[in-house]
Structures are given as C-alpha cells and as structure tokens.
C-alpha cells in the first residue's frame, strides 16, 4: 500500500512539473506572438527600445521653476527698459532746452554753451553705456537661468533613470527631430515629477 502511495505521489509530482512547463511555454509563446512580425519567411521579434524623449518646449512651458525663472527675467528686462526710457526722456528734454537756449542766445558766453553741450554729450554716452551694461546683465542672467535649469533637469534625469534604465533620453524641440515616437514620450511624467519635487523645496 505504501508503495502505491509513493508511486501515485511521484506520478502527481511529474504531472505538476509537466503542467507547469506547458503553461510556462504557452505564456512565452503568447508573449512572443505579441512581439513578433512575420514578413514572408522571416519572423522579426519586436521589443520596446530602452530609449525615450522629452519635448523640451512643453517641459519649459509647464515646469514651475522654469515659469518662475522666466517671469523673473521678464520683470528684470521690463525694469531695465523703464529705467533707460525714463533717463532717455530726461536727456531729450535737456537737449531740447539746450537747443532753445542756443537759438535764443541765452548763454552768456560761447564757453558756457560748449560746457553745457559737452555735459549733455557725456550724459548721452553714459546712457548708452548703461543700456549696454543692462543688456549684458540680462544676457548673463538668462545664461545663468538656462544653466540652472539644465543642471536641475540633468540631475533629476540621472536619479529618475535609475529605476527606468533608459540607455538614451533624447531632447526634442518643436518636433524638429522626432516626428513620431508613440510610447517613448516621457515629457508629461518627467514634468509632473519635477514640479512635485520643486514644490516640496
């Protein structure tokens, strides 16, 4: 009786093992069928490539840090323009007064007229220098903001990719490089995670 029980247990064990392999083989076959394309006599196995891309325009438009940095830059630019315009109008007014005085012979001497003219020319040069200096400062601010943004995104992507294992993450702007990439666009996910991380700080 014990021998029959052992034999039955052995047969059941073998049956379970065989059944396991049959089910496993069917799953593998189903997966292969989903990822294969047959062209003529050739069968091509399709699998998702370990690559992704980010639409940079969309990221910059929706990433909170980028929006705030851009607003700050625009405000600096507007303040600079206002400052230059106020000084330019003041200089124009002084030059118009000088012209009237010159036409009406209001200066007591030629030397005083020349001194006033030199003062106004010097003031105009200072205004031009200030305009160039403010433009340079704005350009430096924009460059610094771009570097901060790039560093932030790159540092985040290194951390993000630890779990994803992409071999390449492309950047795409205005669809100039990648015309179609269904299933490879991670822009929305990355933007959401960047914003979540930014609001925590």
N, C-alpha and C. Protein backbone atom coordinates (compact mmCIF):
# COMPACT_ATOMS: atom_id res chain seq x y z
N UNK A 1 0.81 -1.18 0.00
CA UNK A 1 0.00 0.00 0.00
C UNK A 1 0.86 1.25 0.00
N UNK A 2 1.94 1.19 0.80
CA UNK A 2 2.84 2.34 0.86
C UNK A 2 3.50 2.57 -0.48
N UNK A 3 3.85 1.50 -1.18
CA UNK A 3 4.49 1.63 -2.50
C UNK A 3 3.55 2.28 -3.50
N UNK A 4 2.27 1.92 -3.46
CA UNK A 4 1.29 2.51 -4.39
C UNK A 4 1.15 4.01 -4.11
N UNK A 5 1.12 4.36 -2.82
CA UNK A 5 1.02 5.77 -2.43
C UNK A 5 2.24 6.55 -2.91
N UNK A 6 3.42 5.99 -2.77
CA UNK A 6 4.64 6.65 -3.24
C UNK A 6 4.63 6.80 -4.77
N UNK A 7 4.18 5.77 -5.44
CA UNK A 7 4.13 5.81 -6.90
C UNK A 7 3.14 6.88 -7.36
N UNK A 8 1.96 6.93 -6.70
CA UNK A 8 0.97 7.94 -7.06
C UNK A 8 1.49 9.36 -6.81
N UNK A 9 2.16 9.53 -5.68
CA UNK A 9 2.75 10.85 -5.38
C UNK A 9 3.80 11.23 -6.41
N UNK A 10 4.61 10.27 -6.80
CA UNK A 10 5.63 10.52 -7.82
C UNK A 10 5.02 10.90 -9.15
N UNK A 11 3.93 10.16 -9.54
CA UNK A 11 3.23 10.46 -10.80
C UNK A 11 2.61 11.85 -10.74
N UNK A 12 1.99 12.17 -9.60
CA UNK A 12 1.39 13.51 -9.44
C UNK A 12 2.44 14.62 -9.52
N UNK A 13 3.58 14.38 -8.92
CA UNK A 13 4.68 15.36 -8.97
C UNK A 13 5.14 15.58 -10.40
N UNK A 14 5.31 14.51 -11.14
CA UNK A 14 5.73 14.61 -12.54
C UNK A 14 4.65 15.33 -13.35
N UNK A 15 3.38 15.04 -13.08
CA UNK A 15 2.27 15.68 -13.79
C UNK A 15 2.26 17.19 -13.53
N UNK A 16 2.50 17.58 -12.27
CA UNK A 16 2.54 19.02 -11.91
C UNK A 16 3.69 19.70 -12.62
N UNK A 17 4.86 19.06 -12.65
CA UNK A 17 6.03 19.62 -13.33
C UNK A 17 5.76 19.79 -14.82
N UNK A 18 5.18 18.74 -15.44
CA UNK A 18 4.87 18.81 -16.88
C UNK A 18 3.86 19.92 -17.14
N UNK A 19 2.82 20.01 -16.30
CA UNK A 19 1.80 21.04 -16.45
C UNK A 19 2.41 22.43 -16.31
N UNK A 20 3.30 22.60 -15.36
CA UNK A 20 3.98 23.87 -15.14
C UNK A 20 4.73 24.31 -16.40
N UNK A 21 5.49 23.36 -16.99
CA UNK A 21 6.26 23.69 -18.20
C UNK A 21 5.35 24.00 -19.39
N UNK A 22 4.22 23.30 -19.49
CA UNK A 22 3.28 23.56 -20.59
C UNK A 22 2.71 24.97 -20.46
N UNK A 23 2.28 25.35 -19.25
CA UNK A 23 1.72 26.69 -19.01
C UNK A 23 2.77 27.76 -19.26
N UNK A 24 3.99 27.53 -18.77
CA UNK A 24 5.08 28.49 -18.95
C UNK A 24 5.41 28.65 -20.42
N UNK A 25 5.44 27.55 -21.16
CA UNK A 25 5.74 27.61 -22.59
C UNK A 25 4.66 28.38 -23.33
N UNK A 26 3.38 28.17 -22.96
CA UNK A 26 2.28 28.89 -23.61
C UNK A 26 2.36 30.39 -23.37
N UNK A 27 2.73 30.78 -22.14
CA UNK A 27 2.88 32.21 -21.83
C UNK A 27 3.99 32.81 -22.66
N UNK A 28 5.12 32.11 -22.75
CA UNK A 28 6.25 32.59 -23.54
C UNK A 28 5.86 32.71 -25.00
N UNK A 29 5.11 31.73 -25.50
CA UNK A 29 4.66 31.75 -26.89
C UNK A 29 3.73 32.93 -27.12
N UNK A 30 2.80 33.19 -26.16
CA UNK A 30 1.89 34.32 -26.29
C UNK A 30 2.67 35.63 -26.32
N UNK A 31 3.65 35.77 -25.42
CA UNK A 31 4.47 36.99 -25.40
C UNK A 31 5.22 37.16 -26.71
N UNK A 32 5.77 36.06 -27.20
CA UNK A 32 6.50 36.13 -28.47
C UNK A 32 5.57 36.50 -29.62
N UNK A 33 4.32 35.96 -29.59
CA UNK A 33 3.37 36.29 -30.65
C UNK A 33 3.01 37.77 -30.64
N UNK A 34 2.90 38.33 -29.44
CA UNK A 34 2.59 39.75 -29.33
C UNK A 34 3.74 40.61 -29.83
N UNK A 35 4.95 40.14 -29.73
CA UNK A 35 6.12 40.94 -30.08
C UNK A 35 6.83 40.46 -31.34
N UNK A 36 6.12 39.75 -32.21
CA UNK A 36 6.75 39.29 -33.44
C UNK A 36 5.94 39.73 -34.65
N UNK A 37 6.65 39.93 -35.74
CA UNK A 37 6.03 40.25 -37.01
C UNK A 37 6.62 39.32 -38.04
N UNK A 38 5.76 38.68 -38.83
CA UNK A 38 6.25 37.76 -39.85
C UNK A 38 6.14 38.44 -41.21
N UNK A 39 7.28 38.52 -41.90
CA UNK A 39 7.32 39.08 -43.24
C UNK A 39 7.90 37.99 -44.14
N UNK A 40 7.04 37.43 -44.99
CA UNK A 40 7.49 36.32 -45.84
C UNK A 40 7.87 35.14 -44.98
N UNK A 41 9.12 34.67 -45.15
CA UNK A 41 9.62 33.54 -44.36
C UNK A 41 10.32 33.99 -43.08
N UNK A 42 10.50 35.31 -42.93
CA UNK A 42 11.25 35.83 -41.78
C UNK A 42 10.31 36.28 -40.66
N UNK A 43 10.72 36.01 -39.45
CA UNK A 43 9.99 36.48 -38.27
C UNK A 43 10.89 37.45 -37.52
N UNK A 44 10.35 38.64 -37.28
CA UNK A 44 11.11 39.67 -36.57
C UNK A 44 10.53 39.82 -35.18
N UNK A 45 11.38 39.75 -34.17
CA UNK A 45 10.94 39.93 -32.79
C UNK A 45 11.00 41.41 -32.47
N UNK A 46 9.86 41.95 -32.04
CA UNK A 46 9.80 43.37 -31.69
C UNK A 46 9.86 43.51 -30.18
N UNK A 47 10.63 44.48 -29.74
CA UNK A 47 10.63 44.80 -28.32
C UNK A 47 10.84 46.29 -28.18
N UNK A 48 10.36 46.84 -27.09
CA UNK A 48 10.49 48.28 -26.88
C UNK A 48 11.95 48.61 -26.60
N UNK A 49 12.45 49.60 -27.33
CA UNK A 49 13.84 50.00 -27.17
C UNK A 49 14.03 50.74 -25.85
N UNK A 50 15.20 50.65 -25.25
CA UNK A 50 15.44 51.35 -23.98
C UNK A 50 15.79 52.83 -24.20
N UNK A 51 14.92 53.52 -24.95
CA UNK A 51 15.12 54.95 -25.22
C UNK A 51 13.83 55.69 -24.93
N UNK A 52 13.96 57.00 -24.73
CA UNK A 52 12.80 57.86 -24.51
C UNK A 52 13.16 59.26 -24.98
N UNK A 53 12.15 60.13 -25.03
CA UNK A 53 12.45 61.51 -25.37
C UNK A 53 11.57 62.45 -24.57
N UNK A 54 12.07 63.68 -24.44
CA UNK A 54 11.35 64.72 -23.71
C UNK A 54 11.17 65.90 -24.66
N UNK A 55 9.93 66.38 -24.76
CA UNK A 55 9.66 67.58 -25.55
C UNK A 55 10.03 68.78 -24.68
N UNK A 56 11.16 69.40 -24.99
CA UNK A 56 11.72 70.48 -24.16
C UNK A 56 10.80 71.69 -24.11
N UNK A 57 10.18 72.05 -25.25
CA UNK A 57 9.26 73.21 -25.26
C UNK A 57 8.14 73.02 -24.25
N UNK A 58 7.55 71.84 -24.25
CA UNK A 58 6.45 71.53 -23.34
C UNK A 58 6.94 71.52 -21.89
N UNK A 59 8.11 70.95 -21.67
CA UNK A 59 8.68 70.89 -20.32
C UNK A 59 8.91 72.29 -19.77
N UNK A 60 9.53 73.16 -20.57
CA UNK A 60 9.82 74.52 -20.11
C UNK A 60 8.55 75.33 -19.89
N UNK A 61 7.53 75.03 -20.67
CA UNK A 61 6.25 75.73 -20.57
C UNK A 61 5.50 75.33 -19.30
N UNK A 62 5.68 74.10 -18.83
CA UNK A 62 4.90 73.58 -17.71
C UNK A 62 5.68 73.36 -16.41
N UNK A 63 7.00 73.43 -16.47
CA UNK A 63 7.82 73.23 -15.27
C UNK A 63 7.81 74.53 -14.45
N UNK A 64 7.36 74.45 -13.20
CA UNK A 64 7.16 75.63 -12.36
C UNK A 64 8.44 76.45 -12.18
N UNK A 65 9.58 75.80 -11.97
CA UNK A 65 10.85 76.51 -11.80
C UNK A 65 11.16 77.34 -13.05
N UNK A 66 10.92 76.76 -14.22
CA UNK A 66 11.16 77.45 -15.48
C UNK A 66 10.23 78.65 -15.63
N UNK A 67 8.95 78.46 -15.27
CA UNK A 67 7.98 79.55 -15.38
C UNK A 67 8.38 80.72 -14.47
N UNK A 68 8.76 80.41 -13.23
CA UNK A 68 9.12 81.46 -12.28
C UNK A 68 10.41 82.17 -12.70
N UNK A 69 11.38 81.40 -13.17
CA UNK A 69 12.65 81.99 -13.62
C UNK A 69 12.40 82.89 -14.82
N UNK A 70 11.54 82.47 -15.72
CA UNK A 70 11.23 83.26 -16.91
C UNK A 70 10.50 84.55 -16.53
N UNK A 71 9.56 84.46 -15.58
CA UNK A 71 8.85 85.65 -15.10
C UNK A 71 9.83 86.65 -14.48
N UNK A 72 10.76 86.14 -13.67
CA UNK A 72 11.77 86.98 -13.03
C UNK A 72 12.63 87.69 -14.07
N UNK A 73 13.00 86.96 -15.11
CA UNK A 73 13.82 87.53 -16.18
C UNK A 73 13.05 88.61 -16.94
N UNK A 74 11.78 88.36 -17.22
CA UNK A 74 10.95 89.35 -17.93
C UNK A 74 10.80 90.61 -17.09
N UNK A 75 10.62 90.44 -15.76
CA UNK A 75 10.49 91.61 -14.87
C UNK A 75 11.78 92.43 -14.87
N UNK A 76 12.93 91.75 -14.81
CA UNK A 76 14.21 92.47 -14.86
C UNK A 76 14.33 93.26 -16.17
N UNK A 77 13.93 92.61 -17.26
CA UNK A 77 14.01 93.25 -18.58
C UNK A 77 13.10 94.48 -18.63
N UNK A 78 11.89 94.35 -18.11
CA UNK A 78 10.95 95.48 -18.10
C UNK A 78 11.47 96.62 -17.23
N UNK A 79 12.04 96.29 -16.05
CA UNK A 79 12.59 97.32 -15.16
C UNK A 79 13.75 98.04 -15.82
N UNK A 80 14.60 97.28 -16.52
CA UNK A 80 15.74 97.89 -17.23
C UNK A 80 15.26 98.84 -18.31
N UNK A 81 14.28 98.37 -19.11
CA UNK A 81 13.71 99.21 -20.19
C UNK A 81 13.13 100.49 -19.61
N UNK A 82 12.37 100.36 -18.51
CA UNK A 82 11.74 101.52 -17.88
C UNK A 82 12.81 102.52 -17.43
N UNK A 83 13.84 102.01 -16.77
CA UNK A 83 14.94 102.85 -16.29
C UNK A 83 15.60 103.60 -17.45
N UNK A 84 15.90 102.90 -18.53
CA UNK A 84 16.54 103.52 -19.70
C UNK A 84 15.61 104.54 -20.34
N UNK A 85 14.33 104.18 -20.49
CA UNK A 85 13.37 105.10 -21.13
C UNK A 85 13.18 106.39 -20.35
N UNK A 86 13.13 106.28 -19.00
CA UNK A 86 12.98 107.48 -18.16
C UNK A 86 14.20 108.39 -18.34
N UNK A 87 15.38 107.80 -18.31
CA UNK A 87 16.61 108.59 -18.46
C UNK A 87 16.73 109.17 -19.87
N UNK A 88 16.28 108.42 -20.86
CA UNK A 88 16.34 108.90 -22.25
C UNK A 88 15.40 110.09 -22.44
N UNK A 89 14.19 110.02 -21.87
CA UNK A 89 13.25 111.15 -21.98
C UNK A 89 13.80 112.39 -21.27
N UNK A 90 14.42 112.17 -20.11
CA UNK A 90 15.02 113.28 -19.36
C UNK A 90 16.13 113.93 -20.18
N UNK A 91 16.96 113.12 -20.81
CA UNK A 91 18.04 113.64 -21.65
C UNK A 91 17.48 114.39 -22.86
N UNK A 92 16.44 113.85 -23.50
CA UNK A 92 15.82 114.53 -24.65
C UNK A 92 15.30 115.91 -24.25
N UNK A 93 14.69 115.96 -23.08
CA UNK A 93 14.16 117.23 -22.57
C UNK A 93 15.29 118.25 -22.36
N UNK A 94 16.39 117.78 -21.75
CA UNK A 94 17.54 118.66 -21.51
C UNK A 94 18.16 119.12 -22.83
N UNK A 95 18.21 118.25 -23.82
CA UNK A 95 18.79 118.61 -25.12
C UNK A 95 17.89 119.63 -25.85
N UNK A 96 16.56 119.45 -25.69
CA UNK A 96 15.62 120.40 -26.31
C UNK A 96 15.78 121.78 -25.66
N UNK A 97 15.92 121.80 -24.31
CA UNK A 97 16.14 123.08 -23.60
C UNK A 97 17.43 123.74 -24.06
N UNK A 98 18.47 122.91 -24.21
CA UNK A 98 19.77 123.43 -24.66
C UNK A 98 19.62 124.06 -26.05
N UNK A 99 18.89 123.38 -26.94
CA UNK A 99 18.71 123.87 -28.31
C UNK A 99 17.97 125.21 -28.32
N UNK A 100 16.92 125.32 -27.48
CA UNK A 100 16.17 126.58 -27.38
C UNK A 100 17.06 127.72 -26.89
N UNK A 101 17.84 127.41 -25.84
CA UNK A 101 18.74 128.44 -25.28
C UNK A 101 19.76 128.87 -26.32
N UNK A 102 20.25 127.93 -27.09
CA UNK A 102 21.25 128.22 -28.12
C UNK A 102 20.64 129.11 -29.21
N UNK A 103 19.43 128.78 -29.63
CA UNK A 103 18.75 129.57 -30.68
C UNK A 103 18.40 130.97 -30.19
N UNK A 104 18.11 131.12 -28.90
CA UNK A 104 17.73 132.43 -28.34
C UNK A 104 18.92 133.19 -27.74
N UNK A 105 20.12 132.69 -28.00
CA UNK A 105 21.34 133.32 -27.46
C UNK A 105 21.24 133.54 -25.95
N UNK A 106 20.75 132.55 -25.23
CA UNK A 106 20.56 132.66 -23.78
C UNK A 106 21.85 132.42 -23.01
N UNK A 107 22.84 131.85 -23.65
CA UNK A 107 24.12 131.62 -22.96
C UNK A 107 24.92 132.91 -22.95
N UNK A 108 25.50 133.22 -21.79
CA UNK A 108 26.25 134.46 -21.65
C UNK A 108 27.56 134.43 -22.45
N UNK A 109 28.11 133.20 -22.59
CA UNK A 109 29.35 133.09 -23.36
C UNK A 109 29.35 131.80 -24.17
N UNK A 110 30.19 131.78 -25.17
CA UNK A 110 30.33 130.59 -26.00
C UNK A 110 30.86 129.42 -25.17
N UNK A 111 31.74 129.74 -24.22
CA UNK A 111 32.34 128.71 -23.36
C UNK A 111 31.27 127.99 -22.54
N UNK A 112 30.29 128.76 -22.02
CA UNK A 112 29.20 128.15 -21.24
C UNK A 112 28.34 127.24 -22.12
N UNK A 113 28.10 127.65 -23.33
CA UNK A 113 27.32 126.84 -24.28
C UNK A 113 28.06 125.54 -24.60
N UNK A 114 29.36 125.63 -24.80
CA UNK A 114 30.17 124.44 -25.09
C UNK A 114 30.22 123.50 -23.89
N UNK A 115 30.33 124.06 -22.69
CA UNK A 115 30.34 123.24 -21.47
C UNK A 115 29.03 122.47 -21.32
N UNK A 116 27.90 123.18 -21.59
CA UNK A 116 26.59 122.53 -21.50
C UNK A 116 26.44 121.43 -22.56
N UNK A 117 26.93 121.73 -23.76
CA UNK A 117 26.87 120.74 -24.84
C UNK A 117 27.72 119.52 -24.49
N UNK A 118 28.91 119.73 -23.95
CA UNK A 118 29.79 118.61 -23.54
C UNK A 118 29.15 117.78 -22.43
N UNK A 119 28.49 118.48 -21.50
CA UNK A 119 27.82 117.78 -20.40
C UNK A 119 26.72 116.86 -20.95
N UNK A 120 25.94 117.38 -21.88
CA UNK A 120 24.85 116.59 -22.48
C UNK A 120 25.39 115.43 -23.31
N UNK A 121 26.47 115.65 -24.04
CA UNK A 121 27.08 114.57 -24.83
C UNK A 121 27.61 113.46 -23.92
N UNK A 122 28.21 113.90 -22.80
CA UNK A 122 28.73 112.94 -21.82
C UNK A 122 27.57 112.13 -21.20
N UNK A 123 26.47 112.83 -20.92
CA UNK A 123 25.30 112.18 -20.34
C UNK A 123 24.71 111.16 -21.34
N UNK A 124 24.70 111.52 -22.63
CA UNK A 124 24.19 110.60 -23.66
C UNK A 124 25.07 109.35 -23.74
N UNK A 125 26.41 109.56 -23.65
CA UNK A 125 27.33 108.43 -23.69
C UNK A 125 27.14 107.51 -22.48
N UNK A 126 26.93 108.13 -21.31
CA UNK A 126 26.68 107.35 -20.09
C UNK A 126 25.39 106.53 -20.21
N UNK A 127 24.37 107.13 -20.84
CA UNK A 127 23.11 106.42 -21.04
C UNK A 127 23.30 105.23 -21.98
N UNK A 128 24.08 105.42 -23.04
CA UNK A 128 24.37 104.32 -23.97
C UNK A 128 25.15 103.21 -23.27
N UNK A 129 26.12 103.63 -22.43
CA UNK A 129 26.91 102.64 -21.67
C UNK A 129 26.01 101.86 -20.69
N UNK A 130 25.09 102.59 -20.05
CA UNK A 130 24.17 101.95 -19.10
C UNK A 130 23.27 100.95 -19.84
N UNK A 131 22.80 101.34 -21.01
CA UNK A 131 21.95 100.45 -21.81
C UNK A 131 22.71 99.16 -22.16
N UNK A 132 23.97 99.33 -22.59
CA UNK A 132 24.80 98.16 -22.95
C UNK A 132 25.05 97.29 -21.71
N UNK A 133 25.31 97.94 -20.57
CA UNK A 133 25.59 97.22 -19.32
C UNK A 133 24.36 96.42 -18.87
N UNK A 134 23.18 97.04 -18.93
CA UNK A 134 21.95 96.36 -18.53
C UNK A 134 21.64 95.19 -19.47
N UNK A 135 21.89 95.39 -20.77
CA UNK A 135 21.67 94.30 -21.74
C UNK A 135 22.60 93.13 -21.44
N UNK A 136 23.85 93.45 -21.09
CA UNK A 136 24.84 92.42 -20.74
C UNK A 136 24.42 91.67 -19.49
N UNK A 137 23.94 92.42 -18.48
CA UNK A 137 23.48 91.78 -17.24
C UNK A 137 22.29 90.86 -17.49
N UNK A 138 21.36 91.30 -18.35
CA UNK A 138 20.21 90.46 -18.69
C UNK A 138 20.64 89.19 -19.41
N UNK A 139 21.61 89.33 -20.32
CA UNK A 139 22.11 88.17 -21.04
C UNK A 139 22.77 87.18 -20.07
N UNK A 140 23.54 87.71 -19.11
CA UNK A 140 24.19 86.85 -18.12
C UNK A 140 23.15 86.16 -17.23
N UNK A 141 22.10 86.91 -16.85
CA UNK A 141 21.03 86.33 -16.03
C UNK A 141 20.33 85.21 -16.79
N UNK A 142 20.08 85.43 -18.07
CA UNK A 142 19.42 84.42 -18.89
C UNK A 142 20.29 83.17 -19.02
N UNK A 143 21.59 83.40 -19.22
CA UNK A 143 22.53 82.28 -19.35
C UNK A 143 22.59 81.49 -18.04
N UNK A 144 22.64 82.22 -16.91
CA UNK A 144 22.69 81.57 -15.60
C UNK A 144 21.42 80.76 -15.35
N UNK A 145 20.26 81.34 -15.73
CA UNK A 145 18.99 80.64 -15.57
C UNK A 145 18.96 79.37 -16.42
N UNK A 146 19.45 79.47 -17.65
CA UNK A 146 19.47 78.31 -18.54
C UNK A 146 20.36 77.21 -17.97
N UNK A 147 21.51 77.59 -17.42
CA UNK A 147 22.43 76.60 -16.82
C UNK A 147 21.79 75.93 -15.61
N UNK A 148 21.13 76.74 -14.75
CA UNK A 148 20.47 76.19 -13.57
C UNK A 148 19.38 75.20 -13.98
N UNK A 149 18.61 75.59 -14.98
CA UNK A 149 17.53 74.75 -15.48
C UNK A 149 18.08 73.45 -16.04
N UNK A 150 19.12 73.54 -16.86
CA UNK A 150 19.73 72.35 -17.46
C UNK A 150 20.30 71.44 -16.37
N UNK A 151 21.01 72.04 -15.39
CA UNK A 151 21.60 71.24 -14.31
C UNK A 151 20.51 70.55 -13.48
N UNK A 152 19.43 71.28 -13.19
CA UNK A 152 18.32 70.71 -12.43
C UNK A 152 17.71 69.53 -13.16
N UNK A 153 17.44 69.70 -14.44
CA UNK A 153 16.81 68.64 -15.24
C UNK A 153 17.76 67.45 -15.38
N UNK A 154 19.03 67.71 -15.67
CA UNK A 154 20.00 66.61 -15.82
C UNK A 154 20.18 65.83 -14.53
N UNK A 155 20.27 66.54 -13.39
CA UNK A 155 20.42 65.86 -12.10
C UNK A 155 19.18 65.00 -11.81
N UNK A 156 18.00 65.55 -12.11
CA UNK A 156 16.77 64.80 -11.89
C UNK A 156 16.72 63.56 -12.78
N UNK A 157 17.09 63.71 -14.06
CA UNK A 157 17.01 62.59 -15.01
C UNK A 157 17.94 61.44 -14.61
N UNK A 158 19.11 61.77 -14.05
CA UNK A 158 20.02 60.71 -13.58
C UNK A 158 19.35 59.90 -12.48
N UNK A 159 18.70 60.60 -11.56
CA UNK A 159 18.01 59.93 -10.46
C UNK A 159 16.79 59.16 -10.99
N UNK A 160 16.03 59.80 -11.87
CA UNK A 160 14.82 59.20 -12.45
C UNK A 160 15.15 57.93 -13.23
N UNK A 161 16.27 57.95 -13.95
CA UNK A 161 16.62 56.84 -14.84
C UNK A 161 17.17 55.62 -14.10
N UNK A 162 17.49 55.77 -12.81
CA UNK A 162 17.99 54.61 -12.06
C UNK A 162 16.98 53.47 -12.09
N UNK A 163 15.71 53.80 -11.97
CA UNK A 163 14.67 52.78 -11.98
C UNK A 163 14.20 52.42 -13.38
N UNK A 164 14.39 53.31 -14.33
CA UNK A 164 13.87 53.11 -15.68
C UNK A 164 14.85 52.39 -16.60
N UNK A 165 16.11 52.65 -16.43
CA UNK A 165 17.18 52.00 -17.23
C UNK A 165 17.12 52.34 -18.72
N UNK A 166 16.79 53.61 -19.03
CA UNK A 166 16.89 54.04 -20.42
C UNK A 166 18.36 54.18 -20.78
N UNK A 167 18.71 53.79 -21.98
CA UNK A 167 20.10 53.97 -22.42
C UNK A 167 20.29 55.35 -23.03
N UNK A 168 19.24 55.89 -23.64
CA UNK A 168 19.29 57.23 -24.23
C UNK A 168 17.98 57.94 -23.93
N UNK A 169 18.09 59.22 -23.52
CA UNK A 169 16.91 60.08 -23.42
C UNK A 169 17.18 61.29 -24.32
N UNK A 170 16.40 61.40 -25.39
CA UNK A 170 16.58 62.48 -26.35
C UNK A 170 15.82 63.73 -25.89
N UNK A 171 16.29 64.88 -26.37
CA UNK A 171 15.50 66.11 -26.19
C UNK A 171 14.93 66.47 -27.55
N UNK A 172 13.70 66.89 -27.54
CA UNK A 172 13.01 67.22 -28.78
C UNK A 172 12.40 68.61 -28.64
N UNK A 173 12.65 69.49 -29.61
CA UNK A 173 12.07 70.82 -29.56
C UNK A 173 11.22 71.04 -30.80
N UNK A 174 9.99 71.47 -30.58
CA UNK A 174 9.04 71.76 -31.66
C UNK A 174 8.98 70.64 -32.69
N UNK A 175 9.10 69.42 -32.24
CA UNK A 175 9.05 68.24 -33.12
C UNK A 175 10.03 68.33 -34.29
N UNK A 176 11.21 68.89 -34.05
CA UNK A 176 12.17 69.02 -35.16
C UNK A 176 13.01 67.77 -35.36
N UNK A 177 13.14 66.93 -34.36
CA UNK A 177 13.94 65.72 -34.51
C UNK A 177 13.07 64.46 -34.56
N UNK A 178 12.14 64.37 -33.63
CA UNK A 178 11.31 63.17 -33.53
C UNK A 178 9.91 63.53 -34.01
N UNK A 179 9.53 63.00 -35.14
CA UNK A 179 8.22 63.30 -35.70
C UNK A 179 7.14 62.43 -35.10
N UNK A 180 7.47 61.19 -34.78
CA UNK A 180 6.51 60.28 -34.17
C UNK A 180 7.28 59.31 -33.27
N UNK A 181 6.84 59.16 -32.05
CA UNK A 181 7.51 58.24 -31.13
C UNK A 181 6.55 57.75 -30.07
N UNK A 182 5.49 57.10 -30.51
CA UNK A 182 4.46 56.64 -29.58
C UNK A 182 5.05 55.67 -28.56
N UNK A 183 4.75 55.95 -27.31
CA UNK A 183 5.23 55.09 -26.23
C UNK A 183 6.61 55.47 -25.72
N UNK A 184 7.25 56.44 -26.35
CA UNK A 184 8.60 56.83 -25.94
C UNK A 184 8.65 58.24 -25.33
N UNK A 185 7.54 58.96 -25.37
CA UNK A 185 7.48 60.34 -24.85
C UNK A 185 7.26 60.31 -23.34
N UNK A 186 8.25 60.79 -22.58
CA UNK A 186 8.14 60.80 -21.11
C UNK A 186 8.01 62.22 -20.57
N UNK A 187 7.68 63.17 -21.45
CA UNK A 187 7.62 64.59 -21.07
C UNK A 187 6.67 64.84 -19.91
N UNK A 188 5.45 64.34 -20.04
CA UNK A 188 4.42 64.61 -19.03
C UNK A 188 4.81 64.03 -17.67
N UNK A 189 5.32 62.82 -17.68
CA UNK A 189 5.73 62.17 -16.43
C UNK A 189 6.87 62.93 -15.77
N UNK A 190 7.89 63.28 -16.56
CA UNK A 190 9.05 64.00 -16.02
C UNK A 190 8.65 65.38 -15.50
N UNK A 191 7.81 66.10 -16.25
CA UNK A 191 7.37 67.43 -15.82
C UNK A 191 6.60 67.35 -14.51
N UNK A 192 5.71 66.37 -14.40
CA UNK A 192 4.94 66.19 -13.16
C UNK A 192 5.84 65.91 -11.98
N UNK A 193 6.82 65.04 -12.17
CA UNK A 193 7.74 64.70 -11.07
C UNK A 193 8.64 65.89 -10.71
N UNK A 194 9.08 66.64 -11.71
CA UNK A 194 9.91 67.83 -11.44
C UNK A 194 9.11 68.86 -10.64
N UNK A 195 7.86 69.09 -11.02
CA UNK A 195 7.01 70.05 -10.31
C UNK A 195 6.75 69.59 -8.87
N UNK A 196 6.51 68.29 -8.70
CA UNK A 196 6.29 67.73 -7.37
C UNK A 196 7.51 67.96 -6.49
N UNK A 197 8.67 67.70 -7.05
CA UNK A 197 9.93 67.87 -6.34
C UNK A 197 10.19 69.35 -6.04
N UNK A 198 9.85 70.23 -6.99
CA UNK A 198 10.10 71.67 -6.83
C UNK A 198 9.21 72.27 -5.74
N UNK A 199 7.95 71.84 -5.68
CA UNK A 199 7.04 72.39 -4.67
C UNK A 199 7.38 71.92 -3.27
N UNK A 200 8.08 70.79 -3.14
CA UNK A 200 8.50 70.29 -1.83
C UNK A 200 9.58 71.16 -1.22
N UNK A 201 10.40 71.80 -2.08
CA UNK A 201 11.54 72.58 -1.58
C UNK A 201 11.08 73.85 -0.89
